[in-house]
Amino acid sequence: MEMIEWKEQKFSDISTKEFYEIFKFRCEVFVVEQEILYNDFDYKDYKAIHLSGFINDKLMAYARIFDKGDYYENNPGFGRVAVEEKKRGNSYGKELVKKCIEVCEKNFETKSFMETDITDRLYIITKNLATKQIVIGFALETENGFENAYEKMKRKNLDAIILNSLSDIGAGFGHDTNKITLITPSEEREFELKSKDLVAIDILNFVEECI
């Protein structure tokens, strides 16, 4: 994997050429590729820290980062997170998100992102979804499994939640097999006990249905 050179800039520090390249990049990903018809000029850029990632002087990763109250009411956060299509699948997206968290912690008075409540972390994620993106959570409940999992799904603004079984022999931790129930706001799908590889395929098939 090639090394990324990162650049953090306030809006006033961005040159005309850099401004053009950033908005061209955002348009290619969010408007052309993901077919999201929206006005990208939302005046939020004035308050953001713009994080750009370059490989061989070419922009290939980008996000904008906000202090608490500038976009998200209760916490700092980031959005417009994008990696060039040809560079995906090489962990650049993970590196970009990690860098966004570092910028938040370095520039803003806040707890470590990983120390915040999981609901707040999912709030950051679900507030920045594109049309063809979904968020799935996981639950492991000792009692009232369906009710508790469904409540978590609604509270965390998830598209679906995977309820793992604790009561079935051969399921859960310490086994190569698992039994899950996939819960959405409109349906409940219970799967038979199977290998964890096949469980993963069931989840991926569901994601494919959604997008």
N, C-alpha and C. Protein backbone atom coordinates (compact mmCIF):
# COMPACT_ATOMS: atom_id res chain seq x y z
N MET A 1 0.84 -1.19 0.00
CA MET A 1 0.00 0.00 0.00
C MET A 1 0.88 1.24 0.00
N GLU A 2 0.59 2.16 -0.91
CA GLU A 2 1.36 3.39 -1.00
C GLU A 2 1.03 4.32 0.17
N MET A 3 2.02 5.10 0.56
CA MET A 3 1.84 6.02 1.68
C MET A 3 1.03 7.24 1.26
N ILE A 4 0.15 7.68 2.16
CA ILE A 4 -0.65 8.87 1.91
C ILE A 4 0.00 10.08 2.57
N GLU A 5 0.06 11.17 1.85
CA GLU A 5 0.51 12.44 2.42
C GLU A 5 -0.73 13.25 2.78
N TRP A 6 -0.90 13.57 4.06
CA TRP A 6 -2.10 14.24 4.53
C TRP A 6 -1.91 15.75 4.63
N LYS A 7 -2.97 16.47 4.34
CA LYS A 7 -2.96 17.93 4.48
C LYS A 7 -4.24 18.37 5.17
N GLU A 8 -4.09 19.12 6.29
CA GLU A 8 -5.23 19.66 7.03
C GLU A 8 -5.30 21.16 6.76
N GLN A 9 -6.47 21.64 6.35
CA GLN A 9 -6.60 23.06 6.00
C GLN A 9 -7.93 23.63 6.47
N LYS A 10 -7.89 24.85 6.97
CA LYS A 10 -9.11 25.61 7.15
C LYS A 10 -9.53 26.18 5.80
N PHE A 11 -10.78 26.58 5.69
CA PHE A 11 -11.28 27.06 4.40
C PHE A 11 -10.46 28.23 3.87
N SER A 12 -10.08 29.12 4.77
CA SER A 12 -9.34 30.32 4.34
C SER A 12 -7.94 29.99 3.84
N ASP A 13 -7.44 28.78 4.13
CA ASP A 13 -6.09 28.39 3.70
C ASP A 13 -6.08 27.65 2.37
N ILE A 14 -7.26 27.36 1.84
CA ILE A 14 -7.34 26.58 0.60
C ILE A 14 -7.19 27.49 -0.61
N SER A 15 -6.30 27.13 -1.50
CA SER A 15 -6.11 27.93 -2.71
C SER A 15 -7.24 27.66 -3.71
N THR A 16 -7.32 28.50 -4.73
CA THR A 16 -8.35 28.32 -5.75
C THR A 16 -8.22 26.97 -6.44
N LYS A 17 -7.00 26.58 -6.76
CA LYS A 17 -6.77 25.30 -7.43
C LYS A 17 -7.16 24.13 -6.51
N GLU A 18 -6.77 24.23 -5.24
CA GLU A 18 -7.12 23.18 -4.28
C GLU A 18 -8.63 23.09 -4.09
N PHE A 19 -9.27 24.26 -4.02
CA PHE A 19 -10.72 24.32 -3.89
C PHE A 19 -11.40 23.61 -5.06
N TYR A 20 -10.91 23.85 -6.26
CA TYR A 20 -11.47 23.21 -7.45
C TYR A 20 -11.30 21.69 -7.39
N GLU A 21 -10.11 21.23 -7.02
CA GLU A 21 -9.84 19.79 -6.98
C GLU A 21 -10.69 19.09 -5.91
N ILE A 22 -10.88 19.74 -4.77
CA ILE A 22 -11.70 19.15 -3.71
C ILE A 22 -13.14 18.99 -4.16
N PHE A 23 -13.72 20.04 -4.73
CA PHE A 23 -15.12 19.95 -5.14
C PHE A 23 -15.31 19.05 -6.36
N LYS A 24 -14.33 18.99 -7.22
CA LYS A 24 -14.37 18.04 -8.33
C LYS A 24 -14.38 16.61 -7.78
N PHE A 25 -13.53 16.35 -6.79
CA PHE A 25 -13.44 15.03 -6.18
C PHE A 25 -14.75 14.66 -5.50
N ARG A 26 -15.31 15.56 -4.72
CA ARG A 26 -16.58 15.30 -4.04
C ARG A 26 -17.70 15.06 -5.04
N CYS A 27 -17.72 15.82 -6.10
CA CYS A 27 -18.76 15.66 -7.12
C CYS A 27 -18.65 14.30 -7.80
N GLU A 28 -17.44 13.87 -8.11
CA GLU A 28 -17.24 12.58 -8.77
C GLU A 28 -17.75 11.42 -7.92
N VAL A 29 -17.52 11.51 -6.60
CA VAL A 29 -17.91 10.42 -5.71
C VAL A 29 -19.40 10.48 -5.37
N PHE A 30 -19.85 11.63 -4.87
CA PHE A 30 -21.20 11.68 -4.30
C PHE A 30 -22.30 11.97 -5.32
N VAL A 31 -22.01 12.77 -6.34
CA VAL A 31 -23.03 13.13 -7.32
C VAL A 31 -23.03 12.16 -8.51
N VAL A 32 -21.84 11.93 -9.09
CA VAL A 32 -21.77 11.10 -10.29
C VAL A 32 -21.84 9.61 -9.95
N GLU A 33 -20.94 9.15 -9.07
CA GLU A 33 -20.87 7.72 -8.76
C GLU A 33 -22.08 7.24 -7.95
N GLN A 34 -22.41 7.96 -6.87
CA GLN A 34 -23.48 7.52 -5.98
C GLN A 34 -24.85 8.09 -6.37
N GLU A 35 -24.87 8.94 -7.39
CA GLU A 35 -26.12 9.47 -7.94
C GLU A 35 -26.97 10.17 -6.88
N ILE A 36 -26.31 11.00 -6.06
CA ILE A 36 -27.03 11.77 -5.05
C ILE A 36 -27.21 13.19 -5.59
N LEU A 37 -28.44 13.56 -5.85
CA LEU A 37 -28.71 14.89 -6.39
C LEU A 37 -28.90 15.87 -5.24
N TYR A 38 -27.88 16.66 -4.95
CA TYR A 38 -27.95 17.62 -3.86
C TYR A 38 -26.98 18.75 -4.14
N ASN A 39 -27.18 19.86 -3.45
CA ASN A 39 -26.30 21.01 -3.59
C ASN A 39 -25.14 20.87 -2.61
N ASP A 40 -23.96 20.64 -3.11
CA ASP A 40 -22.80 20.40 -2.25
C ASP A 40 -22.33 21.69 -1.57
N PHE A 41 -22.72 22.82 -2.05
CA PHE A 41 -22.32 24.09 -1.46
C PHE A 41 -23.30 24.46 -0.36
N ASP A 42 -23.01 24.00 0.85
CA ASP A 42 -23.96 24.14 1.96
C ASP A 42 -23.51 25.14 3.02
N TYR A 43 -22.46 25.89 2.75
CA TYR A 43 -21.91 26.89 3.67
C TYR A 43 -21.22 26.28 4.89
N LYS A 44 -21.30 24.97 5.05
CA LYS A 44 -20.62 24.32 6.18
C LYS A 44 -19.10 24.29 5.98
N ASP A 45 -18.66 24.38 4.73
CA ASP A 45 -17.22 24.30 4.46
C ASP A 45 -16.44 25.43 5.12
N TYR A 46 -17.09 26.55 5.36
CA TYR A 46 -16.41 27.67 6.00
C TYR A 46 -15.92 27.31 7.40
N LYS A 47 -16.65 26.44 8.10
CA LYS A 47 -16.32 26.10 9.48
C LYS A 47 -15.48 24.84 9.60
N ALA A 48 -15.33 24.10 8.53
CA ALA A 48 -14.70 22.78 8.59
C ALA A 48 -13.18 22.84 8.51
N ILE A 49 -12.56 21.79 9.05
CA ILE A 49 -11.17 21.48 8.71
C ILE A 49 -11.23 20.50 7.55
N HIS A 50 -10.57 20.82 6.47
CA HIS A 50 -10.60 19.99 5.27
C HIS A 50 -9.37 19.09 5.28
N LEU A 51 -9.61 17.78 5.28
CA LEU A 51 -8.54 16.80 5.31
C LEU A 51 -8.41 16.16 3.94
N SER A 52 -7.26 16.36 3.31
CA SER A 52 -7.01 15.82 1.98
C SER A 52 -5.85 14.85 2.02
N GLY A 53 -6.00 13.72 1.33
CA GLY A 53 -4.95 12.73 1.26
C GLY A 53 -4.43 12.59 -0.16
N PHE A 54 -3.11 12.64 -0.31
CA PHE A 54 -2.50 12.63 -1.64
C PHE A 54 -1.56 11.44 -1.80
N ILE A 55 -1.56 10.85 -2.98
CA ILE A 55 -0.55 9.87 -3.38
C ILE A 55 0.04 10.38 -4.68
N ASN A 56 1.35 10.59 -4.68
CA ASN A 56 2.04 11.15 -5.86
C ASN A 56 1.39 12.45 -6.31
N ASP A 57 1.07 13.30 -5.33
CA ASP A 57 0.49 14.63 -5.56
C ASP A 57 -0.92 14.60 -6.14
N LYS A 58 -1.58 13.45 -6.13
CA LYS A 58 -2.94 13.35 -6.65
C LYS A 58 -3.90 13.14 -5.48
N LEU A 59 -4.96 13.93 -5.43
CA LEU A 59 -5.96 13.80 -4.39
C LEU A 59 -6.69 12.47 -4.53
N MET A 60 -6.65 11.66 -3.46
CA MET A 60 -7.32 10.36 -3.53
C MET A 60 -8.15 10.02 -2.29
N ALA A 61 -8.12 10.90 -1.29
CA ALA A 61 -8.95 10.70 -0.10
C ALA A 61 -9.30 12.07 0.48
N TYR A 62 -10.50 12.17 1.04
CA TYR A 62 -10.95 13.48 1.54
C TYR A 62 -12.02 13.30 2.61
N ALA A 63 -12.05 14.25 3.55
CA ALA A 63 -13.14 14.36 4.51
C ALA A 63 -13.14 15.78 5.06
N ARG A 64 -14.25 16.21 5.57
CA ARG A 64 -14.29 17.50 6.27
C ARG A 64 -14.70 17.24 7.71
N ILE A 65 -14.12 18.02 8.62
CA ILE A 65 -14.20 17.71 10.05
C ILE A 65 -14.71 18.95 10.80
N PHE A 66 -15.61 18.72 11.77
CA PHE A 66 -16.26 19.83 12.45
C PHE A 66 -16.11 19.74 13.96
N ASP A 67 -16.03 20.89 14.57
CA ASP A 67 -16.08 20.98 16.03
C ASP A 67 -17.52 20.81 16.49
N LYS A 68 -17.68 20.51 17.76
CA LYS A 68 -19.01 20.38 18.36
C LYS A 68 -19.82 21.65 18.12
N GLY A 69 -21.04 21.48 17.61
CA GLY A 69 -21.93 22.61 17.38
C GLY A 69 -21.84 23.20 16.00
N ASP A 70 -20.77 22.94 15.26
CA ASP A 70 -20.63 23.49 13.91
C ASP A 70 -21.42 22.68 12.89
N TYR A 71 -21.66 21.43 13.18
CA TYR A 71 -22.49 20.57 12.32
C TYR A 71 -23.31 19.61 13.17
N TYR A 72 -22.63 18.94 14.10
CA TYR A 72 -23.29 17.99 15.00
C TYR A 72 -23.48 18.65 16.36
N GLU A 73 -24.67 18.50 16.90
CA GLU A 73 -25.03 19.26 18.09
C GLU A 73 -24.22 18.85 19.32
N ASN A 74 -24.00 17.56 19.51
CA ASN A 74 -23.46 17.07 20.77
C ASN A 74 -21.99 16.67 20.74
N ASN A 75 -21.36 16.68 19.58
CA ASN A 75 -20.00 16.19 19.50
C ASN A 75 -19.33 16.65 18.22
N PRO A 76 -17.98 16.67 18.21
CA PRO A 76 -17.29 16.86 16.94
C PRO A 76 -17.61 15.69 16.00
N GLY A 77 -17.36 15.87 14.73
CA GLY A 77 -17.63 14.78 13.79
C GLY A 77 -17.06 15.08 12.43
N PHE A 78 -17.29 14.18 11.51
CA PHE A 78 -16.75 14.36 10.16
C PHE A 78 -17.70 13.79 9.13
N GLY A 79 -17.60 14.30 7.91
CA GLY A 79 -18.47 13.88 6.82
C GLY A 79 -17.79 14.06 5.48
N ARG A 80 -18.58 13.87 4.40
CA ARG A 80 -18.04 13.90 3.03
C ARG A 80 -16.81 12.99 2.94
N VAL A 81 -16.88 11.84 3.58
CA VAL A 81 -15.74 10.91 3.64
C VAL A 81 -15.68 10.12 2.33
N ALA A 82 -14.56 10.22 1.62
CA ALA A 82 -14.48 9.59 0.30
C ALA A 82 -13.06 9.17 -0.03
N VAL A 83 -12.96 8.05 -0.75
CA VAL A 83 -11.69 7.56 -1.28
C VAL A 83 -11.91 7.31 -2.77
N GLU A 84 -10.91 7.66 -3.56
CA GLU A 84 -10.99 7.43 -5.00
C GLU A 84 -11.35 5.97 -5.30
N GLU A 85 -12.24 5.77 -6.25
CA GLU A 85 -12.76 4.42 -6.52
C GLU A 85 -11.66 3.40 -6.78
N LYS A 86 -10.65 3.76 -7.55
CA LYS A 86 -9.59 2.81 -7.91
C LYS A 86 -8.71 2.44 -6.72
N LYS A 87 -8.76 3.22 -5.65
CA LYS A 87 -7.90 2.97 -4.49
C LYS A 87 -8.64 2.21 -3.39
N ARG A 88 -9.91 1.93 -3.56
CA ARG A 88 -10.68 1.26 -2.52
C ARG A 88 -10.28 -0.21 -2.41
N GLY A 89 -10.49 -0.78 -1.23
CA GLY A 89 -10.13 -2.16 -0.99
C GLY A 89 -8.70 -2.34 -0.54
N ASN A 90 -8.02 -1.24 -0.25
CA ASN A 90 -6.62 -1.29 0.18
C ASN A 90 -6.41 -0.67 1.56
N SER A 91 -7.47 -0.57 2.33
CA SER A 91 -7.44 -0.04 3.71
C SER A 91 -7.22 1.47 3.77
N TYR A 92 -7.34 2.16 2.63
CA TYR A 92 -7.22 3.61 2.67
C TYR A 92 -8.40 4.24 3.41
N GLY A 93 -9.58 3.62 3.28
CA GLY A 93 -10.75 4.15 3.99
C GLY A 93 -10.56 4.09 5.49
N LYS A 94 -10.02 2.99 5.99
CA LYS A 94 -9.74 2.87 7.43
C LYS A 94 -8.73 3.91 7.86
N GLU A 95 -7.72 4.11 7.04
CA GLU A 95 -6.69 5.10 7.37
C GLU A 95 -7.27 6.50 7.39
N LEU A 96 -8.19 6.78 6.46
CA LEU A 96 -8.84 8.09 6.41
C LEU A 96 -9.67 8.34 7.66
N VAL A 97 -10.48 7.37 8.07
CA VAL A 97 -11.32 7.53 9.27
C VAL A 97 -10.44 7.69 10.51
N LYS A 98 -9.38 6.89 10.59
CA LYS A 98 -8.45 7.02 11.73
C LYS A 98 -7.84 8.42 11.78
N LYS A 99 -7.49 8.95 10.63
CA LYS A 99 -6.91 10.29 10.58
C LYS A 99 -7.95 11.34 10.97
N CYS A 100 -9.19 11.16 10.56
CA CYS A 100 -10.26 12.08 10.95
C CYS A 100 -10.40 12.14 12.46
N ILE A 101 -10.37 10.97 13.10
CA ILE A 101 -10.48 10.92 14.55
C ILE A 101 -9.30 11.62 15.20
N GLU A 102 -8.10 11.42 14.67
CA GLU A 102 -6.91 12.10 15.20
C GLU A 102 -7.05 13.61 15.10
N VAL A 103 -7.58 14.09 13.97
CA VAL A 103 -7.74 15.54 13.78
C VAL A 103 -8.75 16.09 14.78
N CYS A 104 -9.85 15.36 15.00
CA CYS A 104 -10.84 15.77 16.00
C CYS A 104 -10.20 15.90 17.38
N GLU A 105 -9.44 14.89 17.77
CA GLU A 105 -8.86 14.86 19.11
C GLU A 105 -7.75 15.90 19.27
N LYS A 106 -7.07 16.22 18.18
CA LYS A 106 -5.98 17.19 18.24
C LYS A 106 -6.48 18.63 18.29
N ASN A 107 -7.59 18.91 17.58
CA ASN A 107 -8.02 20.29 17.40
C ASN A 107 -9.17 20.73 18.30
N PHE A 108 -9.93 19.76 18.82
CA PHE A 108 -11.12 20.12 19.56
C PHE A 108 -11.07 19.59 20.99
N GLU A 109 -11.73 20.31 21.90
CA GLU A 109 -11.80 19.87 23.28
C GLU A 109 -12.87 18.80 23.39
N THR A 110 -12.42 17.58 23.41
CA THR A 110 -13.35 16.46 23.44
C THR A 110 -12.68 15.24 24.01
N LYS A 111 -13.48 14.30 24.47
CA LYS A 111 -12.95 13.00 24.86
C LYS A 111 -12.47 12.28 23.61
N SER A 112 -11.62 11.30 23.81
CA SER A 112 -11.23 10.44 22.70
C SER A 112 -12.47 9.88 22.05
N PHE A 113 -12.48 9.84 20.73
CA PHE A 113 -13.61 9.29 19.99
C PHE A 113 -13.96 7.91 20.49
N MET A 114 -12.96 7.08 20.77
CA MET A 114 -13.22 5.71 21.20
C MET A 114 -13.72 5.66 22.64
N GLU A 115 -13.63 6.79 23.39
CA GLU A 115 -14.14 6.82 24.75
C GLU A 115 -15.58 7.32 24.80
N THR A 116 -16.09 7.82 23.66
CA THR A 116 -17.47 8.28 23.65
C THR A 116 -18.40 7.09 23.64
N ASP A 117 -19.65 7.35 24.03
CA ASP A 117 -20.65 6.29 24.03
C ASP A 117 -20.86 5.77 22.62
N ILE A 118 -21.09 4.46 22.50
CA ILE A 118 -21.25 3.86 21.17
C ILE A 118 -22.39 4.49 20.40
N THR A 119 -23.44 4.94 21.12
CA THR A 119 -24.55 5.60 20.44
C THR A 119 -24.08 6.86 19.75
N ASP A 120 -23.16 7.62 20.39
CA ASP A 120 -22.64 8.83 19.78
C ASP A 120 -21.81 8.50 18.55
N ARG A 121 -21.02 7.43 18.60
CA ARG A 121 -20.22 7.05 17.44
C ARG A 121 -21.11 6.66 16.28
N LEU A 122 -22.16 5.90 16.55
CA LEU A 122 -23.08 5.52 15.49
C LEU A 122 -23.84 6.73 14.98
N TYR A 123 -24.09 7.70 15.85
CA TYR A 123 -24.75 8.94 15.42
C TYR A 123 -23.90 9.65 14.38
N ILE A 124 -22.58 9.72 14.63
CA ILE A 124 -21.68 10.35 13.67
C ILE A 124 -21.75 9.63 12.34
N ILE A 125 -21.75 8.30 12.38
CA ILE A 125 -21.76 7.52 11.15
C ILE A 125 -23.07 7.68 10.40
N THR A 126 -24.20 7.49 11.10
CA THR A 126 -25.49 7.49 10.42
C THR A 126 -25.89 8.87 9.93
N LYS A 127 -25.32 9.93 10.48
CA LYS A 127 -25.62 11.28 10.01
C LYS A 127 -24.94 11.60 8.69
N ASN A 128 -24.00 10.72 8.25
CA ASN A 128 -23.23 11.01 7.05
C ASN A 128 -23.41 9.96 5.97
N LEU A 129 -24.55 9.31 5.96
CA LEU A 129 -24.76 8.25 4.98
C LEU A 129 -25.17 8.81 3.64
N ALA A 130 -24.67 8.17 2.59
CA ALA A 130 -25.14 8.45 1.25
C ALA A 130 -26.34 7.55 0.96
N THR A 131 -26.99 7.79 -0.18
CA THR A 131 -28.22 7.09 -0.51
C THR A 131 -28.05 5.58 -0.51
N LYS A 132 -26.93 5.07 -1.01
CA LYS A 132 -26.74 3.64 -1.19
C LYS A 132 -25.93 3.02 -0.05
N GLN A 133 -25.84 3.69 1.07
CA GLN A 133 -25.11 3.16 2.21
C GLN A 133 -26.08 2.78 3.31
N ILE A 134 -25.76 1.68 4.00
CA ILE A 134 -26.58 1.25 5.13
C ILE A 134 -25.67 0.96 6.32
N VAL A 135 -26.27 0.96 7.50
CA VAL A 135 -25.52 0.65 8.72
C VAL A 135 -26.23 -0.51 9.43
N ILE A 136 -25.46 -1.55 9.76
CA ILE A 136 -25.97 -2.72 10.45
C ILE A 136 -25.24 -2.87 11.78
N GLY A 137 -25.97 -3.09 12.84
CA GLY A 137 -25.38 -3.30 14.15
C GLY A 137 -25.49 -4.76 14.57
N PHE A 138 -24.87 -5.08 15.70
CA PHE A 138 -24.89 -6.44 16.23
C PHE A 138 -25.30 -6.39 17.69
N ALA A 139 -26.03 -7.42 18.11
CA ALA A 139 -26.50 -7.48 19.50
C ALA A 139 -26.32 -8.89 20.03
N LEU A 140 -26.02 -8.97 21.31
CA LEU A 140 -25.94 -10.25 22.02
C LEU A 140 -26.65 -10.04 23.34
N GLU A 141 -27.84 -10.60 23.47
CA GLU A 141 -28.69 -10.34 24.62
C GLU A 141 -28.88 -11.61 25.46
N THR A 142 -28.91 -11.44 26.77
CA THR A 142 -29.12 -12.59 27.66
C THR A 142 -30.60 -12.84 27.93
N GLU A 143 -31.43 -11.82 27.73
CA GLU A 143 -32.88 -11.98 27.91
C GLU A 143 -33.61 -10.96 27.07
N ASN A 144 -34.86 -11.25 26.76
CA ASN A 144 -35.67 -10.37 25.91
C ASN A 144 -34.91 -9.98 24.66
N GLY A 145 -34.35 -11.00 23.99
CA GLY A 145 -33.43 -10.76 22.89
C GLY A 145 -34.01 -9.89 21.79
N PHE A 146 -35.16 -10.27 21.25
CA PHE A 146 -35.73 -9.50 20.14
C PHE A 146 -36.08 -8.09 20.56
N GLU A 147 -36.74 -7.95 21.70
CA GLU A 147 -37.17 -6.62 22.15
C GLU A 147 -35.97 -5.69 22.38
N ASN A 148 -34.93 -6.19 23.04
CA ASN A 148 -33.77 -5.36 23.32
C ASN A 148 -33.00 -5.01 22.04
N ALA A 149 -32.88 -5.99 21.14
CA ALA A 149 -32.16 -5.73 19.89
C ALA A 149 -32.92 -4.72 19.04
N TYR A 150 -34.23 -4.86 18.98
CA TYR A 150 -35.05 -3.93 18.19
C TYR A 150 -34.95 -2.52 18.75
N GLU A 151 -34.96 -2.41 20.08
CA GLU A 151 -34.85 -1.08 20.71
C GLU A 151 -33.51 -0.44 20.40
N LYS A 152 -32.43 -1.25 20.42
CA LYS A 152 -31.10 -0.73 20.08
C LYS A 152 -31.05 -0.25 18.64
N MET A 153 -31.65 -1.02 17.74
CA MET A 153 -31.67 -0.64 16.33
C MET A 153 -32.33 0.72 16.14
N LYS A 154 -33.47 0.94 16.78
CA LYS A 154 -34.18 2.21 16.64
C LYS A 154 -33.41 3.34 17.29
N ARG A 155 -32.84 3.09 18.49
CA ARG A 155 -32.14 4.14 19.22
C ARG A 155 -30.88 4.60 18.48
N LYS A 156 -30.22 3.66 17.81
CA LYS A 156 -28.96 3.99 17.14
C LYS A 156 -29.14 4.31 15.65
N ASN A 157 -30.40 4.38 15.23
CA ASN A 157 -30.71 4.77 13.85
C ASN A 157 -30.11 3.81 12.83
N LEU A 158 -30.18 2.51 13.11
CA LEU A 158 -29.62 1.50 12.22
C LEU A 158 -30.65 1.04 11.19
N ASP A 159 -30.14 0.55 10.07
CA ASP A 159 -31.02 -0.03 9.06
C ASP A 159 -31.42 -1.46 9.43
N ALA A 160 -30.55 -2.14 10.17
CA ALA A 160 -30.83 -3.51 10.61
C ALA A 160 -29.90 -3.84 11.76
N ILE A 161 -30.25 -4.89 12.49
CA ILE A 161 -29.38 -5.35 13.57
C ILE A 161 -29.36 -6.88 13.55
N ILE A 162 -28.18 -7.45 13.81
CA ILE A 162 -28.00 -8.90 13.84
C ILE A 162 -28.02 -9.35 15.29
N LEU A 163 -29.02 -10.15 15.64
CA LEU A 163 -29.13 -10.69 17.00
C LEU A 163 -28.45 -12.05 17.04
N ASN A 164 -27.39 -12.15 17.81
CA ASN A 164 -26.66 -13.41 17.96
C ASN A 164 -27.30 -14.26 19.06
N SER A 165 -27.24 -15.58 18.87
CA SER A 165 -27.88 -16.50 19.82
C SER A 165 -26.92 -16.89 20.94
N LEU A 166 -27.44 -16.89 22.15
CA LEU A 166 -26.70 -17.42 23.30
C LEU A 166 -27.28 -18.75 23.78
N SER A 167 -28.48 -19.07 23.31
CA SER A 167 -29.20 -20.22 23.85
C SER A 167 -29.05 -21.49 23.03
N ASP A 168 -28.58 -21.38 21.77
CA ASP A 168 -28.49 -22.56 20.90
C ASP A 168 -27.12 -23.22 21.02
N ILE A 169 -27.11 -24.53 21.12
CA ILE A 169 -25.86 -25.29 21.19
C ILE A 169 -25.09 -25.11 19.88
N GLY A 170 -23.81 -24.78 20.00
CA GLY A 170 -22.97 -24.59 18.82
C GLY A 170 -22.95 -23.18 18.28
N ALA A 171 -23.65 -22.27 18.94
CA ALA A 171 -23.70 -20.88 18.47
C ALA A 171 -22.92 -19.97 19.41
N GLY A 172 -22.41 -18.88 18.86
CA GLY A 172 -21.75 -17.86 19.68
C GLY A 172 -20.26 -18.07 19.81
N PHE A 173 -19.69 -17.55 20.89
CA PHE A 173 -18.26 -17.59 21.12
C PHE A 173 -17.77 -19.03 21.31
N GLY A 174 -16.55 -19.28 20.87
CA GLY A 174 -15.95 -20.59 21.07
C GLY A 174 -16.40 -21.64 20.09
N HIS A 175 -17.14 -21.24 19.07
CA HIS A 175 -17.61 -22.19 18.06
C HIS A 175 -17.31 -21.64 16.66
N ASP A 176 -17.24 -22.53 15.70
CA ASP A 176 -17.08 -22.13 14.30
C ASP A 176 -18.42 -21.93 13.62
N THR A 177 -19.50 -22.12 14.36
CA THR A 177 -20.85 -21.94 13.83
C THR A 177 -21.59 -20.87 14.62
N ASN A 178 -22.66 -20.38 14.04
CA ASN A 178 -23.46 -19.37 14.73
C ASN A 178 -24.89 -19.41 14.20
N LYS A 179 -25.79 -18.89 14.99
CA LYS A 179 -27.18 -18.77 14.59
C LYS A 179 -27.63 -17.34 14.85
N ILE A 180 -28.14 -16.69 13.81
CA ILE A 180 -28.49 -15.28 13.94
C ILE A 180 -29.95 -15.04 13.56
N THR A 181 -30.43 -13.91 14.04
CA THR A 181 -31.71 -13.38 13.59
C THR A 181 -31.45 -11.97 13.07
N LEU A 182 -31.86 -11.72 11.83
CA LEU A 182 -31.67 -10.40 11.21
C LEU A 182 -32.96 -9.62 11.38
N ILE A 183 -32.84 -8.47 12.03
CA ILE A 183 -34.01 -7.67 12.37
C ILE A 183 -33.93 -6.32 11.66
N THR A 184 -35.01 -5.94 10.99
CA THR A 184 -35.13 -4.62 10.38
C THR A 184 -36.39 -3.96 10.94
N PRO A 185 -36.63 -2.69 10.63
CA PRO A 185 -37.87 -2.06 11.13
C PRO A 185 -39.14 -2.75 10.65
N SER A 186 -39.04 -3.53 9.55
CA SER A 186 -40.26 -4.10 8.98
C SER A 186 -40.31 -5.62 8.98
N GLU A 187 -39.21 -6.30 9.33
CA GLU A 187 -39.24 -7.76 9.27
C GLU A 187 -38.22 -8.39 10.23
N GLU A 188 -38.37 -9.70 10.41
CA GLU A 188 -37.47 -10.48 11.25
C GLU A 188 -37.14 -11.77 10.49
N ARG A 189 -35.85 -12.03 10.26
CA ARG A 189 -35.43 -13.23 9.55
C ARG A 189 -34.57 -14.09 10.49
N GLU A 190 -35.02 -15.29 10.75
CA GLU A 190 -34.25 -16.19 11.60
C GLU A 190 -33.54 -17.22 10.72
N PHE A 191 -32.24 -17.36 10.90
CA PHE A 191 -31.44 -18.28 10.10
C PHE A 191 -31.09 -19.51 10.93
N GLU A 192 -30.88 -20.62 10.25
CA GLU A 192 -30.50 -21.86 10.92
C GLU A 192 -29.04 -21.81 11.35
N LEU A 193 -28.65 -22.70 12.25
CA LEU A 193 -27.26 -22.81 12.68
C LEU A 193 -26.40 -23.18 11.48
N LYS A 194 -25.31 -22.44 11.26
CA LYS A 194 -24.43 -22.71 10.13
C LYS A 194 -23.05 -22.15 10.42
N SER A 195 -22.10 -22.42 9.55
CA SER A 195 -20.74 -21.92 9.74
C SER A 195 -20.74 -20.40 9.71
N LYS A 196 -19.77 -19.81 10.41
CA LYS A 196 -19.71 -18.35 10.46
C LYS A 196 -19.41 -17.74 9.10
N ASP A 197 -18.73 -18.49 8.24
CA ASP A 197 -18.50 -18.02 6.87
C ASP A 197 -19.83 -17.88 6.13
N LEU A 198 -20.71 -18.87 6.31
CA LEU A 198 -22.02 -18.81 5.65
C LEU A 198 -22.92 -17.75 6.28
N VAL A 199 -22.76 -17.53 7.58
CA VAL A 199 -23.49 -16.44 8.23
C VAL A 199 -23.09 -15.10 7.60
N ALA A 200 -21.79 -14.93 7.38
CA ALA A 200 -21.31 -13.69 6.75
C ALA A 200 -21.91 -13.51 5.36
N ILE A 201 -22.04 -14.61 4.62
CA ILE A 201 -22.63 -14.54 3.28
C ILE A 201 -24.11 -14.13 3.37
N ASP A 202 -24.82 -14.67 4.37
CA ASP A 202 -26.22 -14.27 4.56
C ASP A 202 -26.34 -12.77 4.79
N ILE A 203 -25.44 -12.23 5.60
CA ILE A 203 -25.48 -10.78 5.88
C ILE A 203 -25.16 -9.99 4.63
N LEU A 204 -24.15 -10.43 3.88
CA LEU A 204 -23.79 -9.74 2.64
C LEU A 204 -24.91 -9.80 1.62
N ASN A 205 -25.60 -10.92 1.56
CA ASN A 205 -26.75 -11.03 0.65
C ASN A 205 -27.84 -10.02 1.01
N PHE A 206 -28.03 -9.84 2.31
CA PHE A 206 -29.02 -8.85 2.76
C PHE A 206 -28.59 -7.44 2.35
N VAL A 207 -27.31 -7.13 2.53
CA VAL A 207 -26.80 -5.81 2.14
C VAL A 207 -27.02 -5.59 0.65
N GLU A 208 -26.74 -6.63 -0.15
CA GLU A 208 -26.93 -6.52 -1.60
C GLU A 208 -28.39 -6.23 -1.95
N GLU A 209 -29.31 -6.84 -1.23
CA GLU A 209 -30.73 -6.56 -1.45
C GLU A 209 -31.06 -5.09 -1.20
N CYS A 210 -30.41 -4.54 -0.19
CA CYS A 210 -30.72 -3.16 0.22
C CYS A 210 -30.20 -2.11 -0.76
N ILE A 211 -29.08 -2.42 -1.43
CA ILE A 211 -28.48 -1.42 -2.29
C ILE A 211 -28.69 -1.72 -3.76
